[in-house]
């Protein structure tokens, strides 16, 4: 009887460890997919901004721009948060833009350290075709 209980206890511990490990890797994989989705959306939005060259961007303008290119689902990042988009013309008339995702936590974080690896709470920032900060899903 005690051998059977010991075996069951070992099995229970093993299953608990496996469930924890699987849950950890599943959460990591989901966030990696969300980060990849966000990076893709940001690149596509950048292309649309370079074509249309708007002088200001608010949420309504972004929705209309994305609808124009049949990309309505790009209005939010992979975690469901709005992007922060800024556009401007410099004194020489050159067009500039920046697109920022606030990441998993939806809060503004520091910028710009280049690669932030798997820190899903960090912000991804794309400015004038250059990634100032990006995840590596």
Foldseek 3Di string as FASTA:
>chain_A
DVVVVVVVVVVVVVVVVVVVVVVVVVVLVLQLVLQVQQVVLVVVVVVLCVVVVDAADDLVNSCVSCVVVVNNVSQAGSQREGKDKGWHADPVRDIKMKIKQQFNVRDADDDDDAEPESPRRYMWMAIPNDTRYGYDD
